[in-house]
Amino acid sequence: MSASGDGRGVLFPAALPSFHRMPAPPALQELVRWWWIPRWNLGFGQVLNQTVLSFPASNLVIMPDDVSLSGPTTGVSERKLEGKGWAVGALLRPAAIAQLHQDPGAIRDTEIPFAAAD
């Protein structure tokens, strides 16, 4: 399940093809709690609705085609996975979100595009 053996936040780990959690390097620990990396490779037409538990923190999420900033959540949500894909997410500490968005409270329970250099 995870590089650290920590399954917190993954409601149905057997339903997610691959999920790893890695500690942030010492230089980033003031800004990032940990990195999380899901990977999936689903058959044609197969869809996986992955339930995501609420967590009072923000995430910076990098996927092949975009980068997004997700605010803290107050309820359970679902992420629909299809085809083949991956993501690298950083679970951010409050000091980090304040540096990435001018009004962190405005992105609670939402995900917005984040302008990032290639």
PDB file of N, CA and C in Angstrom:
ATOM      1  N   MET A   1       0.817  -1.194   0.000  1.00  0.00           N
ATOM      2  CA  MET A   1       0.000   0.000   0.000  1.00  0.00           C
ATOM      3  C   MET A   1       0.854   1.248   0.000  1.00  0.00           C
ATOM      4  N   SER A   2       1.701   1.436   0.984  1.00  0.00           N
ATOM      5  CA  SER A   2       2.483   2.656   0.991  1.00  0.00           C
ATOM      6  C   SER A   2       3.915   2.362   1.382  1.00  0.00           C
ATOM      7  N   ALA A   3       4.810   3.219   0.937  1.00  0.00           N
ATOM      8  CA  ALA A   3       6.215   3.041   1.243  1.00  0.00           C
ATOM      9  C   ALA A   3       6.440   3.109   2.750  1.00  0.00           C
ATOM     10  N   SER A   4       5.618   3.880   3.441  1.00  0.00           N
ATOM     11  CA  SER A   4       5.791   4.015   4.875  1.00  0.00           C
ATOM     12  C   SER A   4       4.927   3.038   5.655  1.00  0.00           C
ATOM     13  N   GLY A   5       4.088   2.242   4.966  1.00  0.00           N
ATOM     14  CA  GLY A   5       3.185   1.327   5.657  1.00  0.00           C
ATOM     15  C   GLY A   5       1.996   2.036   6.266  1.00  0.00           C
ATOM     16  N   ASP A   6       1.825   3.287   5.941  1.00  0.00           N
ATOM     17  CA  ASP A   6       0.769   4.121   6.517  1.00  0.00           C
ATOM     18  C   ASP A   6      -0.423   4.152   5.575  1.00  0.00           C
ATOM     19  N   GLY A   7      -1.559   3.584   5.987  1.00  0.00           N
ATOM     20  CA  GLY A   7      -2.725   3.528   5.126  1.00  0.00           C
ATOM     21  C   GLY A   7      -3.764   4.577   5.432  1.00  0.00           C
ATOM     22  N   ARG A   8      -3.440   5.587   6.244  1.00  0.00           N
ATOM     23  CA  ARG A   8      -4.428   6.608   6.579  1.00  0.00           C
ATOM     24  C   ARG A   8      -4.968   7.284   5.337  1.00  0.00           C
ATOM     25  N   GLY A   9      -6.273   7.496   5.301  1.00  0.00           N
ATOM     26  CA  GLY A   9      -6.903   8.226   4.213  1.00  0.00           C
ATOM     27  C   GLY A   9      -7.309   7.378   3.027  1.00  0.00           C
ATOM     28  N   VAL A  10      -6.845   6.146   2.956  1.00  0.00           N
ATOM     29  CA  VAL A  10      -7.213   5.270   1.841  1.00  0.00           C
ATOM     30  C   VAL A  10      -8.317   4.355   2.340  1.00  0.00           C
ATOM     31  N   LEU A  11      -9.551   4.631   1.915  1.00  0.00           N
ATOM     32  CA  LEU A  11     -10.701   3.914   2.438  1.00  0.00           C
ATOM     33  C   LEU A  11     -10.768   2.477   1.927  1.00  0.00           C
ATOM     34  N   PHE A  12     -10.489   2.261   0.642  1.00  0.00           N
ATOM     35  CA  PHE A  12     -10.529   0.921   0.058  1.00  0.00           C
ATOM     36  C   PHE A  12      -9.199   0.645  -0.627  1.00  0.00           C
ATOM     37  N   PRO A  13      -8.140   0.364   0.132  1.00  0.00           N
ATOM     38  CA  PRO A  13      -6.814   0.220  -0.469  1.00  0.00           C
ATOM     39  C   PRO A  13      -6.729  -0.887  -1.504  1.00  0.00           C
ATOM     40  N   ALA A  14      -7.493  -1.958  -1.350  1.00  0.00           N
ATOM     41  CA  ALA A  14      -7.441  -3.052  -2.319  1.00  0.00           C
ATOM     42  C   ALA A  14      -8.017  -2.629  -3.667  1.00  0.00           C
ATOM     43  N   ALA A  15      -8.847  -1.602  -3.675  1.00  0.00           N
ATOM     44  CA  ALA A  15      -9.460  -1.145  -4.924  1.00  0.00           C
ATOM     45  C   ALA A  15      -8.555  -0.189  -5.699  1.00  0.00           C
ATOM     46  N   LEU A  16      -7.497   0.301  -5.067  1.00  0.00           N
ATOM     47  CA  LEU A  16      -6.572   1.198  -5.749  1.00  0.00           C
ATOM     48  C   LEU A  16      -5.383   0.367  -6.197  1.00  0.00           C
ATOM     49  N   PRO A  17      -5.135   0.300  -7.498  1.00  0.00           N
ATOM     50  CA  PRO A  17      -4.077  -0.573  -7.990  1.00  0.00           C
ATOM     51  C   PRO A  17      -2.718  -0.358  -7.334  1.00  0.00           C
ATOM     52  N   SER A  18      -2.302   0.860  -7.074  1.00  0.00           N
ATOM     53  CA  SER A  18      -1.014   1.117  -6.443  1.00  0.00           C
ATOM     54  C   SER A  18      -1.093   2.446  -5.707  1.00  0.00           C
ATOM     55  N   PHE A  19      -0.664   2.456  -4.458  1.00  0.00           N
ATOM     56  CA  PHE A  19      -0.662   3.690  -3.676  1.00  0.00           C
ATOM     57  C   PHE A  19       0.546   3.670  -2.753  1.00  0.00           C
ATOM     58  N   HIS A  20       1.366   4.720  -2.858  1.00  0.00           N
ATOM     59  CA  HIS A  20       2.543   4.817  -2.001  1.00  0.00           C
ATOM     60  C   HIS A  20       2.540   6.170  -1.306  1.00  0.00           C
ATOM     61  N   ARG A  21       3.017   6.176  -0.095  1.00  0.00           N
ATOM     62  CA  ARG A  21       3.175   7.426   0.650  1.00  0.00           C
ATOM     63  C   ARG A  21       4.640   7.491   1.078  1.00  0.00           C
ATOM     64  N   MET A  22       5.248   8.654   0.850  1.00  0.00           N
ATOM     65  CA  MET A  22       6.659   8.825   1.195  1.00  0.00           C
ATOM     66  C   MET A  22       6.819  10.084   2.039  1.00  0.00           C
ATOM     67  N   PRO A  23       7.688  10.038   3.040  1.00  0.00           N
ATOM     68  CA  PRO A  23       7.917  11.242   3.854  1.00  0.00           C
ATOM     69  C   PRO A  23       8.574  12.339   3.022  1.00  0.00           C
ATOM     70  N   ALA A  24       8.286  13.554   3.375  1.00  0.00           N
ATOM     71  CA  ALA A  24       8.936  14.686   2.703  1.00  0.00           C
ATOM     72  C   ALA A  24      10.399  14.716   3.122  1.00  0.00           C
ATOM     73  N   PRO A  25      11.269  15.131   2.212  1.00  0.00           N
ATOM     74  CA  PRO A  25      12.676  15.257   2.588  1.00  0.00           C
ATOM     75  C   PRO A  25      12.832  16.351   3.652  1.00  0.00           C
ATOM     76  N   PRO A  26      13.854  16.267   4.468  1.00  0.00           N
ATOM     77  CA  PRO A  26      14.034  17.244   5.554  1.00  0.00           C
ATOM     78  C   PRO A  26      13.930  18.703   5.111  1.00  0.00           C
ATOM     79  N   ALA A  27      14.435  19.030   3.940  1.00  0.00           N
ATOM     80  CA  ALA A  27      14.408  20.424   3.471  1.00  0.00           C
ATOM     81  C   ALA A  27      12.992  20.935   3.218  1.00  0.00           C
ATOM     82  N   LEU A  28      12.016  20.016   3.031  1.00  0.00           N
ATOM     83  CA  LEU A  28      10.635  20.426   2.751  1.00  0.00           C
ATOM     84  C   LEU A  28       9.662  20.135   3.880  1.00  0.00           C
ATOM     85  N   GLN A  29      10.105  19.560   4.966  1.00  0.00           N
ATOM     86  CA  GLN A  29       9.184  19.127   6.016  1.00  0.00           C
ATOM     87  C   GLN A  29       8.407  20.251   6.676  1.00  0.00           C
ATOM     88  N   GLU A  30       8.884  21.478   6.583  1.00  0.00           N
ATOM     89  CA  GLU A  30       8.113  22.598   7.123  1.00  0.00           C
ATOM     90  C   GLU A  30       6.922  22.940   6.238  1.00  0.00           C
ATOM     91  N   LEU A  31       6.960  22.511   4.965  1.00  0.00           N
ATOM     92  CA  LEU A  31       5.909  22.840   4.008  1.00  0.00           C
ATOM     93  C   LEU A  31       5.075  21.644   3.578  1.00  0.00           C
ATOM     94  N   VAL A  32       5.664  20.448   3.560  1.00  0.00           N
ATOM     95  CA  VAL A  32       4.999  19.242   3.058  1.00  0.00           C
ATOM     96  C   VAL A  32       5.020  18.161   4.139  1.00  0.00           C
ATOM     97  N   ARG A  33       3.848  17.598   4.458  1.00  0.00           N
ATOM     98  CA  ARG A  33       3.780  16.494   5.423  1.00  0.00           C
ATOM     99  C   ARG A  33       4.316  15.207   4.814  1.00  0.00           C
ATOM    100  N   TRP A  34       3.784  14.873   3.619  1.00  0.00           N
ATOM    101  CA  TRP A  34       4.243  13.690   2.898  1.00  0.00           C
ATOM    102  C   TRP A  34       3.836  13.788   1.447  1.00  0.00           C
ATOM    103  N   TRP A  35       4.452  12.950   0.618  1.00  0.00           N
ATOM    104  CA  TRP A  35       4.109  12.787  -0.792  1.00  0.00           C
ATOM    105  C   TRP A  35       3.255  11.549  -0.922  1.00  0.00           C
ATOM    106  N   TRP A  36       2.252  11.575  -1.767  1.00  0.00           N
ATOM    107  CA  TRP A  36       1.436  10.384  -2.043  1.00  0.00           C
ATOM    108  C   TRP A  36       1.398  10.172  -3.550  1.00  0.00           C
ATOM    109  N   ILE A  37       1.499   8.903  -3.944  1.00  0.00           N
ATOM    110  CA  ILE A  37       1.632   8.573  -5.362  1.00  0.00           C
ATOM    111  C   ILE A  37       0.727   7.387  -5.712  1.00  0.00           C
ATOM    112  N   PRO A  38      -0.407   7.648  -6.353  1.00  0.00           N
ATOM    113  CA  PRO A  38      -1.225   6.548  -6.875  1.00  0.00           C
ATOM    114  C   PRO A  38      -0.880   6.285  -8.344  1.00  0.00           C
ATOM    115  N   ARG A  39      -0.985   5.036  -8.744  1.00  0.00           N
ATOM    116  CA  ARG A  39      -0.827   4.637 -10.150  1.00  0.00           C
ATOM    117  C   ARG A  39      -1.926   3.642 -10.466  1.00  0.00           C
ATOM    118  N   TRP A  40      -2.445   3.712 -11.687  1.00  0.00           N
ATOM    119  CA  TRP A  40      -3.480   2.761 -12.076  1.00  0.00           C
ATOM    120  C   TRP A  40      -3.341   2.441 -13.555  1.00  0.00           C
ATOM    121  N   ASN A  41      -3.789   1.256 -13.908  1.00  0.00           N
ATOM    122  CA  ASN A  41      -3.793   0.804 -15.295  1.00  0.00           C
ATOM    123  C   ASN A  41      -5.009  -0.110 -15.427  1.00  0.00           C
ATOM    124  N   LEU A  42      -6.137   0.495 -15.756  1.00  0.00           N
ATOM    125  CA  LEU A  42      -7.404  -0.219 -15.812  1.00  0.00           C
ATOM    126  C   LEU A  42      -7.706  -0.656 -17.241  1.00  0.00           C
ATOM    127  N   GLY A  43      -8.381  -1.761 -17.370  1.00  0.00           N
ATOM    128  CA  GLY A  43      -8.759  -2.272 -18.687  1.00  0.00           C
ATOM    129  C   GLY A  43      -9.721  -1.345 -19.408  1.00  0.00           C
ATOM    130  N   PHE A  44      -9.837  -1.531 -20.717  1.00  0.00           N
ATOM    131  CA  PHE A  44     -10.717  -0.707 -21.541  1.00  0.00           C
ATOM    132  C   PHE A  44     -12.136  -0.713 -20.983  1.00  0.00           C
ATOM    133  N   GLY A  45     -12.691   0.466 -20.768  1.00  0.00           N
ATOM    134  CA  GLY A  45     -14.052   0.607 -20.275  1.00  0.00           C
ATOM    135  C   GLY A  45     -14.199   0.437 -18.772  1.00  0.00           C
ATOM    136  N   GLN A  46     -13.142   0.046 -18.094  1.00  0.00           N
ATOM    137  CA  GLN A  46     -13.213  -0.147 -16.643  1.00  0.00           C
ATOM    138  C   GLN A  46     -13.057   1.217 -15.948  1.00  0.00           C
ATOM    139  N   VAL A  47     -13.908   1.450 -14.962  1.00  0.00           N
ATOM    140  CA  VAL A  47     -13.884   2.696 -14.197  1.00  0.00           C
ATOM    141  C   VAL A  47     -13.789   2.333 -12.719  1.00  0.00           C
ATOM    142  N   LEU A  48     -12.946   3.053 -12.005  1.00  0.00           N
ATOM    143  CA  LEU A  48     -12.787   2.836 -10.573  1.00  0.00           C
ATOM    144  C   LEU A  48     -13.155   4.122  -9.854  1.00  0.00           C
ATOM    145  N   ASN A  49     -14.213   4.082  -9.054  1.00  0.00           N
ATOM    146  CA  ASN A  49     -14.584   5.227  -8.232  1.00  0.00           C
ATOM    147  C   ASN A  49     -13.881   5.080  -6.889  1.00  0.00           C
ATOM    148  N   GLN A  50     -12.826   5.869  -6.695  1.00  0.00           N
ATOM    149  CA  GLN A  50     -12.025   5.790  -5.474  1.00  0.00           C
ATOM    150  C   GLN A  50     -12.573   6.788  -4.467  1.00  0.00           C
ATOM    151  N   THR A  51     -13.009   6.291  -3.325  1.00  0.00           N
ATOM    152  CA  THR A  51     -13.521   7.152  -2.268  1.00  0.00           C
ATOM    153  C   THR A  51     -12.355   7.813  -1.540  1.00  0.00           C
ATOM    154  N   VAL A  52     -12.463   9.121  -1.321  1.00  0.00           N
ATOM    155  CA  VAL A  52     -11.421   9.894  -0.655  1.00  0.00           C
ATOM    156  C   VAL A  52     -11.996  10.456   0.638  1.00  0.00           C
ATOM    157  N   LEU A  53     -11.364  10.125   1.757  1.00  0.00           N
ATOM    158  CA  LEU A  53     -11.820  10.623   3.051  1.00  0.00           C
ATOM    159  C   LEU A  53     -11.474  12.091   3.223  1.00  0.00           C
ATOM    160  N   SER A  54     -12.293  12.788   4.007  1.00  0.00           N
ATOM    161  CA  SER A  54     -12.009  14.198   4.257  1.00  0.00           C
ATOM    162  C   SER A  54     -10.761  14.318   5.117  1.00  0.00           C
ATOM    163  N   PHE A  55     -10.026  15.392   4.889  1.00  0.00           N
ATOM    164  CA  PHE A  55      -8.809  15.654   5.649  1.00  0.00           C
ATOM    165  C   PHE A  55      -8.611  17.164   5.663  1.00  0.00           C
ATOM    166  N   PRO A  56      -8.383  17.738   6.826  1.00  0.00           N
ATOM    167  CA  PRO A  56      -8.305  19.202   6.915  1.00  0.00           C
ATOM    168  C   PRO A  56      -6.951  19.758   6.488  1.00  0.00           C
ATOM    169  N   ALA A  57      -6.550  19.448   5.259  1.00  0.00           N
ATOM    170  CA  ALA A  57      -5.285  19.972   4.726  1.00  0.00           C
ATOM    171  C   ALA A  57      -5.434  20.124   3.217  1.00  0.00           C
ATOM    172  N   SER A  58      -4.537  20.884   2.632  1.00  0.00           N
ATOM    173  CA  SER A  58      -4.546  21.106   1.184  1.00  0.00           C
ATOM    174  C   SER A  58      -3.500  20.228   0.511  1.00  0.00           C
ATOM    175  N   ASN A  59      -3.684  20.012  -0.787  1.00  0.00           N
ATOM    176  CA  ASN A  59      -2.770  19.198  -1.578  1.00  0.00           C
ATOM    177  C   ASN A  59      -2.400  19.919  -2.856  1.00  0.00           C
ATOM    178  N   LEU A  60      -1.149  19.781  -3.258  1.00  0.00           N
ATOM    179  CA  LEU A  60      -0.695  20.170  -4.579  1.00  0.00           C
ATOM    180  C   LEU A  60      -0.579  18.865  -5.347  1.00  0.00           C
ATOM    181  N   VAL A  61      -1.316  18.736  -6.469  1.00  0.00           N
ATOM    182  CA  VAL A  61      -1.404  17.466  -7.189  1.00  0.00           C
ATOM    183  C   VAL A  61      -0.891  17.644  -8.614  1.00  0.00           C
ATOM    184  N   ILE A  62       0.078  16.814  -8.969  1.00  0.00           N
ATOM    185  CA  ILE A  62       0.673  16.843 -10.298  1.00  0.00           C
ATOM    186  C   ILE A  62       0.242  15.578 -11.028  1.00  0.00           C
ATOM    187  N   MET A  63      -0.373  15.758 -12.210  1.00  0.00           N
ATOM    188  CA  MET A  63      -0.782  14.650 -13.062  1.00  0.00           C
ATOM    189  C   MET A  63      -0.172  14.890 -14.441  1.00  0.00           C
ATOM    190  N   PRO A  64      -0.213  13.903 -15.318  1.00  0.00           N
ATOM    191  CA  PRO A  64       0.443  14.075 -16.626  1.00  0.00           C
ATOM    192  C   PRO A  64       0.010  15.323 -17.385  1.00  0.00           C
ATOM    193  N   ASP A  65      -1.250  15.705 -17.299  1.00  0.00           N
ATOM    194  CA  ASP A  65      -1.751  16.814 -18.108  1.00  0.00           C
ATOM    195  C   ASP A  65      -2.037  18.098 -17.347  1.00  0.00           C
ATOM    196  N   ASP A  66      -1.925  18.081 -16.040  1.00  0.00           N
ATOM    197  CA  ASP A  66      -2.222  19.302 -15.300  1.00  0.00           C
ATOM    198  C   ASP A  66      -1.657  19.261 -13.885  1.00  0.00           C
ATOM    199  N   VAL A  67      -1.710  20.425 -13.268  1.00  0.00           N
ATOM    200  CA  VAL A  67      -1.331  20.583 -11.864  1.00  0.00           C
ATOM    201  C   VAL A  67      -2.498  21.296 -11.204  1.00  0.00           C
ATOM    202  N   SER A  68      -2.894  20.810 -10.025  1.00  0.00           N
ATOM    203  CA  SER A  68      -4.021  21.445  -9.342  1.00  0.00           C
ATOM    204  C   SER A  68      -3.709  21.629  -7.868  1.00  0.00           C
ATOM    205  N   LEU A  69      -4.468  22.518  -7.284  1.00  0.00           N
ATOM    206  CA  LEU A  69      -4.390  22.792  -5.862  1.00  0.00           C
ATOM    207  C   LEU A  69      -5.746  22.426  -5.275  1.00  0.00           C
ATOM    208  N   SER A  70      -5.745  21.525  -4.317  1.00  0.00           N
ATOM    209  CA  SER A  70      -6.988  21.096  -3.680  1.00  0.00           C
ATOM    210  C   SER A  70      -7.020  21.635  -2.264  1.00  0.00           C
ATOM    211  N   GLY A  71      -8.114  22.293  -1.942  1.00  0.00           N
ATOM    212  CA  GLY A  71      -8.257  22.829  -0.597  1.00  0.00           C
ATOM    213  C   GLY A  71      -8.622  21.742   0.397  1.00  0.00           C
ATOM    214  N   PRO A  72      -8.623  22.077   1.673  1.00  0.00           N
ATOM    215  CA  PRO A  72      -9.017  21.099   2.686  1.00  0.00           C
ATOM    216  C   PRO A  72     -10.468  20.672   2.471  1.00  0.00           C
ATOM    217  N   THR A  73     -10.741  19.428   2.777  1.00  0.00           N
ATOM    218  CA  THR A  73     -12.087  18.903   2.559  1.00  0.00           C
ATOM    219  C   THR A  73     -12.823  18.720   3.879  1.00  0.00           C
ATOM    220  N   THR A  74     -14.133  18.853   3.808  1.00  0.00           N
ATOM    221  CA  THR A  74     -14.958  18.692   5.000  1.00  0.00           C
ATOM    222  C   THR A  74     -15.894  17.494   4.881  1.00  0.00           C
ATOM    223  N   GLY A  75     -15.781  16.749   3.784  1.00  0.00           N
ATOM    224  CA  GLY A  75     -16.627  15.580   3.589  1.00  0.00           C
ATOM    225  C   GLY A  75     -15.965  14.578   2.667  1.00  0.00           C
ATOM    226  N   VAL A  76     -16.537  13.411   2.594  1.00  0.00           N
ATOM    227  CA  VAL A  76     -16.034  12.357   1.721  1.00  0.00           C
ATOM    228  C   VAL A  76     -16.310  12.742   0.266  1.00  0.00           C
ATOM    229  N   SER A  77     -15.363  12.442  -0.611  1.00  0.00           N
ATOM    230  CA  SER A  77     -15.552  12.698  -2.033  1.00  0.00           C
ATOM    231  C   SER A  77     -15.122  11.463  -2.814  1.00  0.00           C
ATOM    232  N   GLU A  78     -15.300  11.511  -4.125  1.00  0.00           N
ATOM    233  CA  GLU A  78     -14.880  10.402  -4.970  1.00  0.00           C
ATOM    234  C   GLU A  78     -14.056  10.931  -6.129  1.00  0.00           C
ATOM    235  N   ARG A  79     -13.090  10.140  -6.535  1.00  0.00           N
ATOM    236  CA  ARG A  79     -12.273  10.441  -7.706  1.00  0.00           C
ATOM    237  C   ARG A  79     -12.472   9.291  -8.679  1.00  0.00           C
ATOM    238  N   LYS A  80     -12.863   9.615  -9.904  1.00  0.00           N
ATOM    239  CA  LYS A  80     -13.098   8.595 -10.925  1.00  0.00           C
ATOM    240  C   LYS A  80     -11.797   8.341 -11.677  1.00  0.00           C
ATOM    241  N   LEU A  81     -11.333   7.102 -11.637  1.00  0.00           N
ATOM    242  CA  LEU A  81     -10.119   6.713 -12.337  1.00  0.00           C
ATOM    243  C   LEU A  81     -10.493   5.862 -13.539  1.00  0.00           C
ATOM    244  N   GLU A  82      -9.859   6.161 -14.678  1.00  0.00           N
ATOM    245  CA  GLU A  82     -10.097   5.408 -15.907  1.00  0.00           C
ATOM    246  C   GLU A  82      -8.769   5.229 -16.627  1.00  0.00           C
ATOM    247  N   GLY A  83      -8.678   4.208 -17.449  1.00  0.00           N
ATOM    248  CA  GLY A  83      -7.503   4.013 -18.281  1.00  0.00           C
ATOM    249  C   GLY A  83      -6.236   3.820 -17.465  1.00  0.00           C
ATOM    250  N   LYS A  84      -5.183   4.478 -17.926  1.00  0.00           N
ATOM    251  CA  LYS A  84      -3.879   4.385 -17.278  1.00  0.00           C
ATOM    252  C   LYS A  84      -3.495   5.762 -16.783  1.00  0.00           C
ATOM    253  N   GLY A  85      -2.974   5.866 -15.565  1.00  0.00           N
ATOM    254  CA  GLY A  85      -2.603   7.175 -15.062  1.00  0.00           C
ATOM    255  C   GLY A  85      -1.803   7.125 -13.784  1.00  0.00           C
ATOM    256  N   TRP A  86      -1.419   8.286 -13.351  1.00  0.00           N
ATOM    257  CA  TRP A  86      -0.662   8.440 -12.122  1.00  0.00           C
ATOM    258  C   TRP A  86      -0.845   9.875 -11.623  1.00  0.00           C
ATOM    259  N   ALA A  87      -0.462  10.082 -10.393  1.00  0.00           N
ATOM    260  CA  ALA A  87      -0.433  11.415  -9.806  1.00  0.00           C
ATOM    261  C   ALA A  87       0.673  11.433  -8.761  1.00  0.00           C
ATOM    262  N   VAL A  88       1.181  12.607  -8.505  1.00  0.00           N
ATOM    263  CA  VAL A  88       2.091  12.826  -7.386  1.00  0.00           C
ATOM    264  C   VAL A  88       1.495  13.976  -6.609  1.00  0.00           C
ATOM    265  N   GLY A  89       1.186  13.728  -5.358  1.00  0.00           N
ATOM    266  CA  GLY A  89       0.573  14.762  -4.542  1.00  0.00           C
ATOM    267  C   GLY A  89       1.422  15.093  -3.338  1.00  0.00           C
ATOM    268  N   ALA A  90       1.377  16.334  -2.944  1.00  0.00           N
ATOM    269  CA  ALA A  90       2.050  16.786  -1.728  1.00  0.00           C
ATOM    270  C   ALA A  90       0.974  17.206  -0.749  1.00  0.00           C
ATOM    271  N   LEU A  91       0.913  16.537   0.402  1.00  0.00           N
ATOM    272  CA  LEU A  91       0.004  16.969   1.461  1.00  0.00           C
ATOM    273  C   LEU A  91       0.676  18.154   2.140  1.00  0.00           C
ATOM    274  N   LEU A  92       0.074  19.321   1.983  1.00  0.00           N
ATOM    275  CA  LEU A  92       0.703  20.565   2.408  1.00  0.00           C
ATOM    276  C   LEU A  92       0.407  20.921   3.862  1.00  0.00           C
ATOM    277  N   ARG A  93       1.345  21.546   4.467  1.00  0.00           N
ATOM    278  CA  ARG A  93       1.146  22.134   5.797  1.00  0.00           C
ATOM    279  C   ARG A  93       0.561  23.540   5.596  1.00  0.00           C
ATOM    280  N   PRO A  94      -0.075  24.120   6.624  1.00  0.00           N
ATOM    281  CA  PRO A  94      -0.700  25.446   6.465  1.00  0.00           C
ATOM    282  C   PRO A  94       0.252  26.516   5.931  1.00  0.00           C
ATOM    283  N   ALA A  95       1.507  26.484   6.312  1.00  0.00           N
ATOM    284  CA  ALA A  95       2.458  27.494   5.832  1.00  0.00           C
ATOM    285  C   ALA A  95       2.635  27.421   4.326  1.00  0.00           C
ATOM    286  N   ALA A  96       2.519  26.228   3.755  1.00  0.00           N
ATOM    287  CA  ALA A  96       2.714  26.072   2.307  1.00  0.00           C
ATOM    288  C   ALA A  96       1.518  26.583   1.530  1.00  0.00           C
ATOM    289  N   ILE A  97       0.312  26.257   1.961  1.00  0.00           N
ATOM    290  CA  ILE A  97      -0.862  26.682   1.206  1.00  0.00           C
ATOM    291  C   ILE A  97      -0.951  28.208   1.172  1.00  0.00           C
ATOM    292  N   ALA A  98      -0.558  28.859   2.242  1.00  0.00           N
ATOM    293  CA  ALA A  98      -0.591  30.319   2.277  1.00  0.00           C
ATOM    294  C   ALA A  98       0.377  30.925   1.268  1.00  0.00           C
ATOM    295  N   GLN A  99       1.421  30.194   0.897  1.00  0.00           N
ATOM    296  CA  GLN A  99       2.367  30.684  -0.108  1.00  0.00           C
ATOM    297  C   GLN A  99       1.896  30.408  -1.531  1.00  0.00           C
ATOM    298  N   LEU A 100       0.967  29.449  -1.693  1.00  0.00           N
ATOM    299  CA  LEU A 100       0.525  29.052  -3.027  1.00  0.00           C
ATOM    300  C   LEU A 100      -0.808  29.662  -3.449  1.00  0.00           C
ATOM    301  N   HIS A 101      -1.583  30.145  -2.480  1.00  0.00           N
ATOM    302  CA  HIS A 101      -2.893  30.728  -2.807  1.00  0.00           C
ATOM    303  C   HIS A 101      -3.158  31.905  -1.887  1.00  0.00           C
ATOM    304  N   GLN A 102      -3.635  33.004  -2.463  1.00  0.00           N
ATOM    305  CA  GLN A 102      -3.823  34.227  -1.682  1.00  0.00           C
ATOM    306  C   GLN A 102      -4.954  34.144  -0.662  1.00  0.00           C
ATOM    307  N   ASP A 103      -5.918  33.237  -0.877  1.00  0.00           N
ATOM    308  CA  ASP A 103      -7.047  33.097   0.042  1.00  0.00           C
ATOM    309  C   ASP A 103      -7.330  31.609   0.271  1.00  0.00           C
ATOM    310  N   PRO A 104      -6.529  30.950   1.115  1.00  0.00           N
ATOM    311  CA  PRO A 104      -6.687  29.508   1.311  1.00  0.00           C
ATOM    312  C   PRO A 104      -8.098  29.081   1.710  1.00  0.00           C
ATOM    313  N   GLY A 105      -8.804  29.890   2.453  1.00  0.00           N
ATOM    314  CA  GLY A 105     -10.163  29.541   2.855  1.00  0.00           C
ATOM    315  C   GLY A 105     -11.130  29.458   1.687  1.00  0.00           C
ATOM    316  N   ALA A 106     -10.824  30.141   0.608  1.00  0.00           N
ATOM    317  CA  ALA A 106     -11.709  30.165  -0.558  1.00  0.00           C
ATOM    318  C   ALA A 106     -11.684  28.856  -1.344  1.00  0.00           C
ATOM    319  N   ILE A 107     -10.689  28.008  -1.114  1.00  0.00           N
ATOM    320  CA  ILE A 107     -10.622  26.767  -1.887  1.00  0.00           C
ATOM    321  C   ILE A 107     -11.001  25.538  -1.048  1.00  0.00           C
ATOM    322  N   ARG A 108     -11.615  25.776   0.086  1.00  0.00           N
ATOM    323  CA  ARG A 108     -12.107  24.647   0.885  1.00  0.00           C
ATOM    324  C   ARG A 108     -13.116  23.850   0.059  1.00  0.00           C
ATOM    325  N   ASP A 109     -12.972  22.542   0.070  1.00  0.00           N
ATOM    326  CA  ASP A 109     -13.877  21.627  -0.646  1.00  0.00           C
ATOM    327  C   ASP A 109     -13.876  21.833  -2.162  1.00  0.00           C
ATOM    328  N   THR A 110     -12.765  22.318  -2.705  1.00  0.00           N
ATOM    329  CA  THR A 110     -12.701  22.499  -4.155  1.00  0.00           C
ATOM    330  C   THR A 110     -11.287  22.231  -4.651  1.00  0.00           C
ATOM    331  N   GLU A 111     -11.185  22.051  -5.962  1.00  0.00           N
ATOM    332  CA  GLU A 111      -9.896  21.843  -6.623  1.00  0.00           C
ATOM    333  C   GLU A 111      -9.808  22.844  -7.758  1.00  0.00           C
ATOM    334  N   ILE A 112      -8.683  23.553  -7.828  1.00  0.00           N
ATOM    335  CA  ILE A 112      -8.509  24.581  -8.854  1.00  0.00           C
ATOM    336  C   ILE A 112      -7.221  24.302  -9.636  1.00  0.00           C
ATOM    337  N   PRO A 113      -7.162  24.743 -10.881  1.00  0.00           N
ATOM    338  CA  PRO A 113      -5.921  24.613 -11.639  1.00  0.00           C
ATOM    339  C   PRO A 113      -4.838  25.453 -10.975  1.00  0.00           C
ATOM    340  N   PHE A 114      -3.610  24.970 -11.046  1.00  0.00           N
ATOM    341  CA  PHE A 114      -2.482  25.704 -10.484  1.00  0.00           C
ATOM    342  C   PHE A 114      -1.474  25.933 -11.600  1.00  0.00           C
ATOM    343  N   ALA A 115      -1.154  27.193 -11.839  1.00  0.00           N
ATOM    344  CA  ALA A 115      -0.194  27.534 -12.888  1.00  0.00           C
ATOM    345  C   ALA A 115       1.200  27.141 -12.420  1.00  0.00           C
ATOM    346  N   ALA A 116       1.780  26.161 -13.095  1.00  0.00           N
ATOM    347  CA  ALA A 116       3.107  25.683 -12.730  1.00  0.00           C
ATOM    348  C   ALA A 116       3.975  25.636 -13.979  1.00  0.00           C
ATOM    349  N   ALA A 117       5.225  25.928 -13.802  1.00  0.00           N
ATOM    350  CA  ALA A 117       6.164  25.852 -14.931  1.00  0.00           C
ATOM    351  C   ALA A 117       6.313  24.403 -15.364  1.00  0.00           C
ATOM    352  N   ASP A 118       6.613  24.211 -16.635  1.00  0.00           N
ATOM    353  CA  ASP A 118       6.799  22.858 -17.143  1.00  0.00           C
ATOM    354  C   ASP A 118       7.851  22.130 -16.338  1.00  0.00           C
TER     355      ASP A 118
END
